[in-house]
């Protein structure tokens, strides 16, 4: 089973989020894992599914939104099925979780 399918399992996410909430160091490692995975693959859907787990582990969207300086609505939109988050909201959350942003351009 690939990581996308595992992350999409709601019961797994809820149980795993509770374990992460009980161990802040484990939560930090998980946040690093999802940002590293996004850096490696560029697959935003994996990052957003991981973000759902982080949001559950941290206990509330309001606190996550406040720390990232985005609206709660933006986060709920990002976490909805088939979301297409705006770059500003995505980068705010990504940076909050320790992601490093680096842009490069290729000549066409």
Protein backbone atom coordinates (compact mmCIF):
# COMPACT_ATOMS: atom_id res chain seq x y z
CA UNK A 1 0.00 0.00 0.00
CA UNK A 2 1.47 3.38 -0.94
CA UNK A 3 1.73 6.41 1.35
CA UNK A 4 -1.21 8.20 -0.32
CA UNK A 5 -3.58 5.31 0.45
CA UNK A 6 -2.36 4.99 4.03
CA UNK A 7 -2.69 8.71 4.69
CA UNK A 8 -6.22 8.71 3.26
CA UNK A 9 -7.48 6.19 5.83
CA UNK A 10 -9.46 8.27 8.31
CA UNK A 11 -9.30 5.82 11.24
CA UNK A 12 -5.56 5.47 10.80
CA UNK A 13 -5.15 9.25 10.71
CA UNK A 14 -7.14 9.78 13.89
CA UNK A 15 -5.33 7.06 15.84
CA UNK A 16 -1.93 8.17 14.57
CA UNK A 17 -2.71 11.81 15.37
CA UNK A 18 -3.45 10.86 19.00
CA UNK A 19 -0.08 9.12 19.25
CA UNK A 20 1.68 12.14 17.76
CA UNK A 21 -0.11 14.48 20.16
CA UNK A 22 1.22 12.47 23.09
CA UNK A 23 4.84 12.84 21.94
CA UNK A 24 5.90 16.32 20.72
CA UNK A 25 9.26 15.05 19.42
CA UNK A 26 7.50 12.39 17.36
CA UNK A 27 5.15 15.08 16.02
CA UNK A 28 8.12 17.23 14.99
CA UNK A 29 9.68 14.24 13.19
CA UNK A 30 6.40 13.63 11.38
CA UNK A 31 6.17 17.28 10.32
CA UNK A 32 9.71 17.00 8.95
CA UNK A 33 8.81 13.76 7.19
CA UNK A 34 5.88 15.27 5.32
CA UNK A 35 7.85 18.36 4.30
CA UNK A 36 10.79 16.20 3.19
CA UNK A 37 8.44 13.97 1.20
CA UNK A 38 6.98 17.00 -0.54
CA UNK A 39 10.48 18.31 -1.27
CA UNK A 40 11.42 14.96 -2.79
CA UNK A 41 8.29 14.27 -4.84
CA UNK A 42 6.54 17.61 -5.26
CA UNK A 43 3.27 15.76 -4.57
CA UNK A 44 1.09 18.28 -2.76
CA UNK A 45 -1.64 15.72 -2.04
CA UNK A 46 0.70 13.75 0.23
CA UNK A 47 1.66 16.94 2.07
CA UNK A 48 -1.98 17.95 2.54
CA UNK A 49 -3.00 14.50 3.80
CA UNK A 50 -0.12 14.66 6.27
CA UNK A 51 -1.22 18.14 7.27
CA UNK A 52 -4.62 16.72 8.24
CA UNK A 53 -2.87 14.43 10.72
CA UNK A 54 -0.79 17.32 12.08
CA UNK A 55 -3.91 19.47 12.50
CA UNK A 56 -5.64 16.67 14.42
CA UNK A 57 -2.57 16.08 16.58
CA UNK A 58 -2.27 19.77 17.45
CA UNK A 59 -5.91 19.74 18.46
CA UNK A 60 -7.35 22.62 16.54
CA UNK A 61 -7.31 24.41 13.24
CA UNK A 62 -7.65 27.79 14.92
CA UNK A 63 -4.22 27.53 16.56
CA UNK A 64 -2.60 26.26 13.38
CA UNK A 65 -4.15 29.12 11.41
CA UNK A 66 -3.05 31.69 13.97
CA UNK A 67 0.55 30.43 13.98
CA UNK A 68 0.68 30.39 10.17
CA UNK A 69 -1.07 33.78 9.97
CA UNK A 70 -3.78 32.51 7.62
CA UNK A 71 -7.52 32.19 8.10
CA UNK A 72 -9.16 29.07 9.45
CA UNK A 73 -11.21 28.97 6.28
CA UNK A 74 -8.00 28.79 4.22
CA UNK A 75 -6.85 25.77 6.19
CA UNK A 76 -10.22 24.03 5.97
CA UNK A 77 -10.15 24.64 2.23
CA UNK A 78 -6.64 23.21 2.01
CA UNK A 79 -7.72 20.10 3.88
CA UNK A 80 -10.82 19.46 1.79
CA UNK A 81 -10.90 16.71 -0.79
CA UNK A 82 -9.26 17.64 -4.11
CA UNK A 83 -8.17 21.01 -2.76
CA UNK A 84 -6.01 23.37 -4.74
CA UNK A 85 -4.59 25.72 -2.10
CA UNK A 86 -3.40 29.20 -2.91
CA UNK A 87 0.35 29.63 -2.87
CA UNK A 88 0.26 32.12 0.02
CA UNK A 89 -1.66 29.79 2.35
CA UNK A 90 0.32 26.74 1.30
CA UNK A 91 3.68 28.43 1.85
CA UNK A 92 2.59 29.78 5.25
CA UNK A 93 1.76 26.28 6.49
CA UNK A 94 4.75 24.71 4.75
CA UNK A 95 7.17 27.17 6.39
CA UNK A 96 5.45 26.74 9.77
CA UNK A 97 6.21 23.02 9.58
CA UNK A 98 9.85 23.68 8.80
CA UNK A 99 9.78 23.45 5.02
CA UNK A 100 12.36 25.45 3.12
CA UNK A 101 11.26 27.23 -0.03
CA UNK A 102 13.59 27.36 -3.00
CA UNK A 103 12.48 28.35 -6.46
CA UNK A 104 14.34 27.59 -9.64
CA UNK A 105 13.37 28.11 -13.23
CA UNK A 106 14.27 26.17 -16.36
CA UNK A 107 14.61 27.71 -19.75
CA UNK A 108 11.88 26.54 -22.09
